[in-house]
């Protein structure tokens, strides 16, 4: 695995065996636990979106805002609860 992603993920890794690929699994699991829909998880992970409507309608800005809110809820739950 490239050292560049590991360099930037250094603060989020708890041991040297963790990889960026493992981080993807962790983010997916946190999104799922927070209640995010599969379409959101797929977009965040960069998976191809098979549902044309979900991939097309609403505009890029709308989809990014939805994804941002779910990532914030999944990765920073206390901050989300405190600020609403």
PDB file of N, CA and C in Angstrom:
ATOM      1  N   UNK A   1       0.855  -1.184   0.000  1.00  0.00           N
ATOM      2  CA  UNK A   1       0.000   0.000   0.000  1.00  0.00           C
ATOM      3  C   UNK A   1       0.892   1.236   0.000  1.00  0.00           C
ATOM      4  N   UNK A   2       0.460   2.228  -0.720  1.00  0.00           N
ATOM      5  CA  UNK A   2       1.208   3.466  -0.828  1.00  0.00           C
ATOM      6  C   UNK A   2       1.414   4.117   0.534  1.00  0.00           C
ATOM      7  N   UNK A   3       2.565   4.740   0.697  1.00  0.00           N
ATOM      8  CA  UNK A   3       2.837   5.428   1.968  1.00  0.00           C
ATOM      9  C   UNK A   3       2.125   6.769   2.034  1.00  0.00           C
ATOM     10  N   UNK A   4       1.703   7.317   0.887  1.00  0.00           N
ATOM     11  CA  UNK A   4       1.041   8.625   0.895  1.00  0.00           C
ATOM     12  C   UNK A   4      -0.278   8.585   1.666  1.00  0.00           C
ATOM     13  N   UNK A   5      -1.213   7.644   1.359  1.00  0.00           N
ATOM     14  CA  UNK A   5      -2.441   7.608   2.167  1.00  0.00           C
ATOM     15  C   UNK A   5      -2.155   7.338   3.633  1.00  0.00           C
ATOM     16  N   UNK A   6      -1.195   6.473   3.906  1.00  0.00           N
ATOM     17  CA  UNK A   6      -0.872   6.166   5.301  1.00  0.00           C
ATOM     18  C   UNK A   6      -0.362   7.415   6.014  1.00  0.00           C
ATOM     19  N   UNK A   7       0.409   8.233   5.306  1.00  0.00           N
ATOM     20  CA  UNK A   7       0.922   9.468   5.894  1.00  0.00           C
ATOM     21  C   UNK A   7      -0.221  10.372   6.347  1.00  0.00           C
ATOM     22  N   UNK A   8      -1.214  10.546   5.481  1.00  0.00           N
ATOM     23  CA  UNK A   8      -2.321  11.448   5.804  1.00  0.00           C
ATOM     24  C   UNK A   8      -3.333  10.836   6.759  1.00  0.00           C
ATOM     25  N   UNK A   9      -3.347   9.524   6.885  1.00  0.00           N
ATOM     26  CA  UNK A   9      -4.270   8.864   7.803  1.00  0.00           C
ATOM     27  C   UNK A   9      -3.619   8.581   9.148  1.00  0.00           C
ATOM     28  N   UNK A  10      -2.396   9.016   9.321  1.00  0.00           N
ATOM     29  CA  UNK A  10      -1.646   8.713  10.535  1.00  0.00           C
ATOM     30  C   UNK A  10      -2.376   8.993  11.833  1.00  0.00           C
ATOM     31  N   UNK A  11      -3.051  10.113  11.923  1.00  0.00           N
ATOM     32  CA  UNK A  11      -3.754  10.474  13.157  1.00  0.00           C
ATOM     33  C   UNK A  11      -4.959   9.584  13.429  1.00  0.00           C
ATOM     34  N   UNK A  12      -5.474   8.914  12.396  1.00  0.00           N
ATOM     35  CA  UNK A  12      -6.671   8.093  12.549  1.00  0.00           C
ATOM     36  C   UNK A  12      -6.352   6.622  12.743  1.00  0.00           C
ATOM     37  N   UNK A  13      -5.086   6.277  12.593  1.00  0.00           N
ATOM     38  CA  UNK A  13      -4.686   4.873  12.732  1.00  0.00           C
ATOM     39  C   UNK A  13      -4.268   4.612  14.174  1.00  0.00           C
ATOM     40  N   UNK A  14      -4.666   3.465  14.693  1.00  0.00           N
ATOM     41  CA  UNK A  14      -4.287   3.121  16.057  1.00  0.00           C
ATOM     42  C   UNK A  14      -3.125   2.141  16.090  1.00  0.00           C
ATOM     43  N   UNK A  15      -2.776   1.564  14.935  1.00  0.00           N
ATOM     44  CA  UNK A  15      -1.590   0.713  14.848  1.00  0.00           C
ATOM     45  C   UNK A  15      -1.077   0.695  13.415  1.00  0.00           C
ATOM     46  N   UNK A  16       0.152   0.229  13.219  1.00  0.00           N
ATOM     47  CA  UNK A  16       0.785   0.245  11.900  1.00  0.00           C
ATOM     48  C   UNK A  16       0.181  -0.741  10.920  1.00  0.00           C
ATOM     49  N   UNK A  17      -0.635  -1.680  11.384  1.00  0.00           N
ATOM     50  CA  UNK A  17      -1.223  -2.672  10.491  1.00  0.00           C
ATOM     51  C   UNK A  17      -2.491  -2.173   9.806  1.00  0.00           C
ATOM     52  N   UNK A  18      -3.013  -1.059  10.248  1.00  0.00           N
ATOM     53  CA  UNK A  18      -4.223  -0.528   9.623  1.00  0.00           C
ATOM     54  C   UNK A  18      -3.888   0.047   8.256  1.00  0.00           C
ATOM     55  N   UNK A  19      -4.796  -0.157   7.311  1.00  0.00           N
ATOM     56  CA  UNK A  19      -4.583   0.293   5.940  1.00  0.00           C
ATOM     57  C   UNK A  19      -5.725   1.201   5.502  1.00  0.00           C
ATOM     58  N   UNK A  20      -5.517   1.962   4.425  1.00  0.00           N
ATOM     59  CA  UNK A  20      -6.619   2.762   3.885  1.00  0.00           C
ATOM     60  C   UNK A  20      -7.820   1.894   3.504  1.00  0.00           C
ATOM     61  N   UNK A  21      -7.565   0.697   2.995  1.00  0.00           N
ATOM     62  CA  UNK A  21      -8.663  -0.210   2.641  1.00  0.00           C
ATOM     63  C   UNK A  21      -9.484  -0.570   3.884  1.00  0.00           C
ATOM     64  N   UNK A  22      -8.806  -0.821   4.996  1.00  0.00           N
ATOM     65  CA  UNK A  22      -9.498  -1.109   6.247  1.00  0.00           C
ATOM     66  C   UNK A  22     -10.310   0.081   6.724  1.00  0.00           C
ATOM     67  N   UNK A  23      -9.803   1.271   6.461  1.00  0.00           N
ATOM     68  CA  UNK A  23     -10.524   2.487   6.840  1.00  0.00           C
ATOM     69  C   UNK A  23     -11.834   2.579   6.071  1.00  0.00           C
ATOM     70  N   UNK A  24     -11.825   2.182   4.796  1.00  0.00           N
ATOM     71  CA  UNK A  24     -13.062   2.176   4.002  1.00  0.00           C
ATOM     72  C   UNK A  24     -14.110   1.282   4.652  1.00  0.00           C
ATOM     73  N   UNK A  25     -13.694   0.106   5.098  1.00  0.00           N
ATOM     74  CA  UNK A  25     -14.628  -0.809   5.759  1.00  0.00           C
ATOM     75  C   UNK A  25     -15.172  -0.190   7.042  1.00  0.00           C
ATOM     76  N   UNK A  26     -14.300   0.464   7.768  1.00  0.00           N
ATOM     77  CA  UNK A  26     -14.706   1.079   9.031  1.00  0.00           C
ATOM     78  C   UNK A  26     -15.715   2.204   8.802  1.00  0.00           C
ATOM     79  N   UNK A  27     -15.459   3.038   7.790  1.00  0.00           N
ATOM     80  CA  UNK A  27     -16.380   4.130   7.470  1.00  0.00           C
ATOM     81  C   UNK A  27     -17.723   3.562   7.031  1.00  0.00           C
ATOM     82  N   UNK A  28     -17.703   2.523   6.192  1.00  0.00           N
ATOM     83  CA  UNK A  28     -18.955   1.898   5.749  1.00  0.00           C
ATOM     84  C   UNK A  28     -19.742   1.370   6.933  1.00  0.00           C
ATOM     85  N   UNK A  29     -19.062   0.723   7.862  1.00  0.00           N
ATOM     86  CA  UNK A  29     -19.730   0.168   9.042  1.00  0.00           C
ATOM     87  C   UNK A  29     -20.325   1.280   9.902  1.00  0.00           C
ATOM     88  N   UNK A  30     -19.594   2.378  10.062  1.00  0.00           N
ATOM     89  CA  UNK A  30     -20.102   3.499  10.871  1.00  0.00           C
ATOM     90  C   UNK A  30     -21.308   4.153  10.201  1.00  0.00           C
ATOM     91  N   UNK A  31     -21.261   4.296   8.880  1.00  0.00           N
ATOM     92  CA  UNK A  31     -22.407   4.855   8.163  1.00  0.00           C
ATOM     93  C   UNK A  31     -23.624   3.951   8.313  1.00  0.00           C
ATOM     94  N   UNK A  32     -23.406   2.643   8.184  1.00  0.00           N
ATOM     95  CA  UNK A  32     -24.505   1.683   8.329  1.00  0.00           C
ATOM     96  C   UNK A  32     -25.094   1.772   9.736  1.00  0.00           C
ATOM     97  N   UNK A  33     -24.239   1.842  10.745  1.00  0.00           N
ATOM     98  CA  UNK A  33     -24.704   1.932  12.138  1.00  0.00           C
ATOM     99  C   UNK A  33     -25.475   3.220  12.403  1.00  0.00           C
ATOM    100  N   UNK A  34     -25.106   4.281  11.701  1.00  0.00           N
ATOM    101  CA  UNK A  34     -25.787   5.569  11.875  1.00  0.00           C
ATOM    102  C   UNK A  34     -27.128   5.603  11.157  1.00  0.00           C
ATOM    103  N   UNK A  35     -27.383   4.590  10.305  1.00  0.00           N
ATOM    104  CA  UNK A  35     -28.663   4.522   9.619  1.00  0.00           C
ATOM    105  C   UNK A  35     -28.656   5.034   8.189  1.00  0.00           C
ATOM    106  N   UNK A  36     -27.471   5.262   7.628  1.00  0.00           N
ATOM    107  CA  UNK A  36     -27.392   5.763   6.254  1.00  0.00           C
ATOM    108  C   UNK A  36     -27.905   4.721   5.272  1.00  0.00           C
ATOM    109  N   UNK A  37     -28.536   5.193   4.208  1.00  0.00           N
ATOM    110  CA  UNK A  37     -29.011   4.309   3.160  1.00  0.00           C
ATOM    111  C   UNK A  37     -27.818   3.772   2.367  1.00  0.00           C
ATOM    112  N   UNK A  38     -28.000   2.622   1.734  1.00  0.00           N
ATOM    113  CA  UNK A  38     -26.919   2.001   0.971  1.00  0.00           C
ATOM    114  C   UNK A  38     -26.418   2.912  -0.145  1.00  0.00           C
ATOM    115  N   UNK A  39     -27.292   3.697  -0.739  1.00  0.00           N
ATOM    116  CA  UNK A  39     -26.882   4.597  -1.819  1.00  0.00           C
ATOM    117  C   UNK A  39     -25.866   5.622  -1.315  1.00  0.00           C
ATOM    118  N   UNK A  40     -26.045   6.103  -0.097  1.00  0.00           N
ATOM    119  CA  UNK A  40     -25.108   7.058   0.500  1.00  0.00           C
ATOM    120  C   UNK A  40     -23.771   6.376   0.741  1.00  0.00           C
ATOM    121  N   UNK A  41     -23.811   5.185   1.301  1.00  0.00           N
ATOM    122  CA  UNK A  41     -22.581   4.435   1.569  1.00  0.00           C
ATOM    123  C   UNK A  41     -21.829   4.190   0.267  1.00  0.00           C
ATOM    124  N   UNK A  42     -22.538   3.785  -0.763  1.00  0.00           N
ATOM    125  CA  UNK A  42     -21.902   3.524  -2.058  1.00  0.00           C
ATOM    126  C   UNK A  42     -21.258   4.784  -2.633  1.00  0.00           C
ATOM    127  N   UNK A  43     -21.942   5.919  -2.529  1.00  0.00           N
ATOM    128  CA  UNK A  43     -21.368   7.168  -3.053  1.00  0.00           C
ATOM    129  C   UNK A  43     -20.121   7.553  -2.281  1.00  0.00           C
ATOM    130  N   UNK A  44     -20.172   7.453  -0.959  1.00  0.00           N
ATOM    131  CA  UNK A  44     -19.029   7.829  -0.135  1.00  0.00           C
ATOM    132  C   UNK A  44     -17.825   6.941  -0.452  1.00  0.00           C
ATOM    133  N   UNK A  45     -18.069   5.658  -0.665  1.00  0.00           N
ATOM    134  CA  UNK A  45     -16.972   4.729  -0.944  1.00  0.00           C
ATOM    135  C   UNK A  45     -16.529   4.770  -2.401  1.00  0.00           C
ATOM    136  N   UNK A  46     -17.262   5.489  -3.241  1.00  0.00           N
ATOM    137  CA  UNK A  46     -16.876   5.603  -4.636  1.00  0.00           C
ATOM    138  C   UNK A  46     -17.339   4.448  -5.498  1.00  0.00           C
ATOM    139  N   UNK A  47     -18.332   3.698  -5.035  1.00  0.00           N
ATOM    140  CA  UNK A  47     -18.863   2.592  -5.819  1.00  0.00           C
ATOM    141  C   UNK A  47     -19.748   3.116  -6.941  1.00  0.00           C
ATOM    142  N   UNK A  48     -19.860   2.328  -8.009  1.00  0.00           N
ATOM    143  CA  UNK A  48     -20.744   2.681  -9.109  1.00  0.00           C
ATOM    144  C   UNK A  48     -22.185   2.648  -8.620  1.00  0.00           C
ATOM    145  N   UNK A  49     -22.970   3.611  -9.049  1.00  0.00           N
ATOM    146  CA  UNK A  49     -24.373   3.688  -8.669  1.00  0.00           C
ATOM    147  C   UNK A  49     -25.204   3.137  -9.815  1.00  0.00           C
ATOM    148  N   UNK A  50     -25.939   2.065  -9.543  1.00  0.00           N
ATOM    149  CA  UNK A  50     -26.719   1.404 -10.584  1.00  0.00           C
ATOM    150  C   UNK A  50     -28.079   2.060 -10.801  1.00  0.00           C
ATOM    151  N   UNK A  51     -28.623   2.676  -9.784  1.00  0.00           N
ATOM    152  CA  UNK A  51     -29.932   3.321  -9.885  1.00  0.00           C
ATOM    153  C   UNK A  51     -29.760   4.684 -10.542  1.00  0.00           C
ATOM    154  N   UNK A  52     -30.190   4.802 -11.777  1.00  0.00           N
ATOM    155  CA  UNK A  52     -29.992   6.033 -12.538  1.00  0.00           C
ATOM    156  C   UNK A  52     -30.611   7.230 -11.839  1.00  0.00           C
ATOM    157  N   UNK A  53     -31.806   7.080 -11.313  1.00  0.00           N
ATOM    158  CA  UNK A  53     -32.467   8.191 -10.628  1.00  0.00           C
ATOM    159  C   UNK A  53     -31.685   8.687  -9.436  1.00  0.00           C
ATOM    160  N   UNK A  54     -31.213   7.774  -8.622  1.00  0.00           N
ATOM    161  CA  UNK A  54     -30.467   8.151  -7.420  1.00  0.00           C
ATOM    162  C   UNK A  54     -29.124   8.776  -7.768  1.00  0.00           C
ATOM    163  N   UNK A  55     -28.560   8.374  -8.894  1.00  0.00           N
ATOM    164  CA  UNK A  55     -27.261   8.897  -9.293  1.00  0.00           C
ATOM    165  C   UNK A  55     -27.380  10.221 -10.042  1.00  0.00           C
ATOM    166  N   UNK A  56     -28.556  10.523 -10.569  1.00  0.00           N
ATOM    167  CA  UNK A  56     -28.706  11.665 -11.465  1.00  0.00           C
ATOM    168  C   UNK A  56     -29.502  12.819 -10.860  1.00  0.00           C
ATOM    169  N   UNK A  57     -30.663  12.519 -10.310  1.00  0.00           N
ATOM    170  CA  UNK A  57     -31.566  13.584  -9.882  1.00  0.00           C
ATOM    171  C   UNK A  57     -31.108  14.238  -8.589  1.00  0.00           C
ATOM    172  N   UNK A  58     -31.388  15.544  -8.498  1.00  0.00           N
ATOM    173  CA  UNK A  58     -31.069  16.288  -7.286  1.00  0.00           C
ATOM    174  C   UNK A  58     -29.835  17.146  -7.425  1.00  0.00           C
ATOM    175  N   UNK A  59     -28.977  16.850  -8.357  1.00  0.00           N
ATOM    176  CA  UNK A  59     -27.775  17.646  -8.560  1.00  0.00           C
ATOM    177  C   UNK A  59     -26.640  17.231  -7.653  1.00  0.00           C
ATOM    178  N   UNK A  60     -25.444  17.510  -8.110  1.00  0.00           N
ATOM    179  CA  UNK A  60     -24.233  17.128  -7.379  1.00  0.00           C
ATOM    180  C   UNK A  60     -24.193  17.781  -6.003  1.00  0.00           C
ATOM    181  N   UNK A  61     -24.530  19.061  -5.937  1.00  0.00           N
ATOM    182  CA  UNK A  61     -24.465  19.770  -4.661  1.00  0.00           C
ATOM    183  C   UNK A  61     -25.393  19.145  -3.621  1.00  0.00           C
ATOM    184  N   UNK A  62     -26.587  18.762  -4.053  1.00  0.00           N
ATOM    185  CA  UNK A  62     -27.541  18.134  -3.141  1.00  0.00           C
ATOM    186  C   UNK A  62     -27.011  16.801  -2.626  1.00  0.00           C
ATOM    187  N   UNK A  63     -26.466  15.985  -3.545  1.00  0.00           N
ATOM    188  CA  UNK A  63     -25.942  14.682  -3.133  1.00  0.00           C
ATOM    189  C   UNK A  63     -24.752  14.837  -2.189  1.00  0.00           C
ATOM    190  N   UNK A  64     -23.877  15.799  -2.483  1.00  0.00           N
ATOM    191  CA  UNK A  64     -22.725  16.031  -1.608  1.00  0.00           C
ATOM    192  C   UNK A  64     -23.165  16.490  -0.220  1.00  0.00           C
ATOM    193  N   UNK A  65     -24.183  17.320  -0.161  1.00  0.00           N
ATOM    194  CA  UNK A  65     -24.682  17.796   1.137  1.00  0.00           C
ATOM    195  C   UNK A  65     -25.260  16.645   1.948  1.00  0.00           C
ATOM    196  N   UNK A  66     -26.023  15.769   1.296  1.00  0.00           N
ATOM    197  CA  UNK A  66     -26.582  14.598   1.986  1.00  0.00           C
ATOM    198  C   UNK A  66     -25.452  13.706   2.499  1.00  0.00           C
ATOM    199  N   UNK A  67     -24.466  13.438   1.644  1.00  0.00           N
ATOM    200  CA  UNK A  67     -23.339  12.592   2.047  1.00  0.00           C
ATOM    201  C   UNK A  67     -22.554  13.218   3.190  1.00  0.00           C
ATOM    202  N   UNK A  68     -22.351  14.532   3.123  1.00  0.00           N
ATOM    203  CA  UNK A  68     -21.618  15.236   4.184  1.00  0.00           C
ATOM    204  C   UNK A  68     -22.335  15.107   5.528  1.00  0.00           C
ATOM    205  N   UNK A  69     -23.655  15.270   5.507  1.00  0.00           N
ATOM    206  CA  UNK A  69     -24.423  15.159   6.750  1.00  0.00           C
ATOM    207  C   UNK A  69     -24.315  13.756   7.340  1.00  0.00           C
ATOM    208  N   UNK A  70     -24.399  12.722   6.476  1.00  0.00           N
ATOM    209  CA  UNK A  70     -24.290  11.353   6.981  1.00  0.00           C
ATOM    210  C   UNK A  70     -22.894  11.056   7.512  1.00  0.00           C
ATOM    211  N   UNK A  71     -21.867  11.547   6.827  1.00  0.00           N
ATOM    212  CA  UNK A  71     -20.501  11.335   7.326  1.00  0.00           C
ATOM    213  C   UNK A  71     -20.313  12.013   8.676  1.00  0.00           C
ATOM    214  N   UNK A  72     -20.833  13.218   8.800  1.00  0.00           N
ATOM    215  CA  UNK A  72     -20.726  13.930  10.080  1.00  0.00           C
ATOM    216  C   UNK A  72     -21.456  13.168  11.183  1.00  0.00           C
ATOM    217  N   UNK A  73     -22.649  12.676  10.874  1.00  0.00           N
ATOM    218  CA  UNK A  73     -23.426  11.928  11.866  1.00  0.00           C
ATOM    219  C   UNK A  73     -22.725  10.622  12.252  1.00  0.00           C
ATOM    220  N   UNK A  74     -22.136   9.947  11.268  1.00  0.00           N
ATOM    221  CA  UNK A  74     -21.499   8.653  11.519  1.00  0.00           C
ATOM    222  C   UNK A  74     -20.145   8.787  12.208  1.00  0.00           C
ATOM    223  N   UNK A  75     -19.358   9.771  11.815  1.00  0.00           N
ATOM    224  CA  UNK A  75     -17.981   9.874  12.316  1.00  0.00           C
ATOM    225  C   UNK A  75     -17.825  10.804  13.506  1.00  0.00           C
ATOM    226  N   UNK A  76     -18.756  11.726  13.673  1.00  0.00           N
ATOM    227  CA  UNK A  76     -18.691  12.677  14.789  1.00  0.00           C
ATOM    228  C   UNK A  76     -20.044  12.748  15.484  1.00  0.00           C
ATOM    229  N   UNK A  77     -20.528  11.630  16.023  1.00  0.00           N
ATOM    230  CA  UNK A  77     -21.898  11.595  16.562  1.00  0.00           C
ATOM    231  C   UNK A  77     -22.138  12.560  17.720  1.00  0.00           C
ATOM    232  N   UNK A  78     -21.189  12.743  18.603  1.00  0.00           N
ATOM    233  CA  UNK A  78     -21.397  13.646  19.728  1.00  0.00           C
ATOM    234  C   UNK A  78     -21.511  15.084  19.262  1.00  0.00           C
ATOM    235  N   UNK A  79     -20.688  15.474  18.302  1.00  0.00           N
ATOM    236  CA  UNK A  79     -20.756  16.823  17.747  1.00  0.00           C
ATOM    237  C   UNK A  79     -22.110  17.062  17.097  1.00  0.00           C
ATOM    238  N   UNK A  80     -22.615  16.074  16.380  1.00  0.00           N
ATOM    239  CA  UNK A  80     -23.902  16.184  15.716  1.00  0.00           C
ATOM    240  C   UNK A  80     -25.031  16.321  16.733  1.00  0.00           C
ATOM    241  N   UNK A  81     -24.955  15.552  17.816  1.00  0.00           N
ATOM    242  CA  UNK A  81     -26.003  15.615  18.850  1.00  0.00           C
ATOM    243  C   UNK A  81     -25.983  16.957  19.562  1.00  0.00           C
ATOM    244  N   UNK A  82     -24.797  17.475  19.843  1.00  0.00           N
ATOM    245  CA  UNK A  82     -24.677  18.729  20.580  1.00  0.00           C
ATOM    246  C   UNK A  82     -25.137  19.925  19.756  1.00  0.00           C
ATOM    247  N   UNK A  83     -24.845  19.910  18.463  1.00  0.00           N
ATOM    248  CA  UNK A  83     -25.178  21.055  17.616  1.00  0.00           C
ATOM    249  C   UNK A  83     -26.482  20.909  16.874  1.00  0.00           C
ATOM    250  N   UNK A  84     -27.028  19.683  16.867  1.00  0.00           N
ATOM    251  CA  UNK A  84     -28.318  19.477  16.227  1.00  0.00           C
ATOM    252  C   UNK A  84     -28.259  19.316  14.801  1.00  0.00           C
TER     253      UNK A  84
END
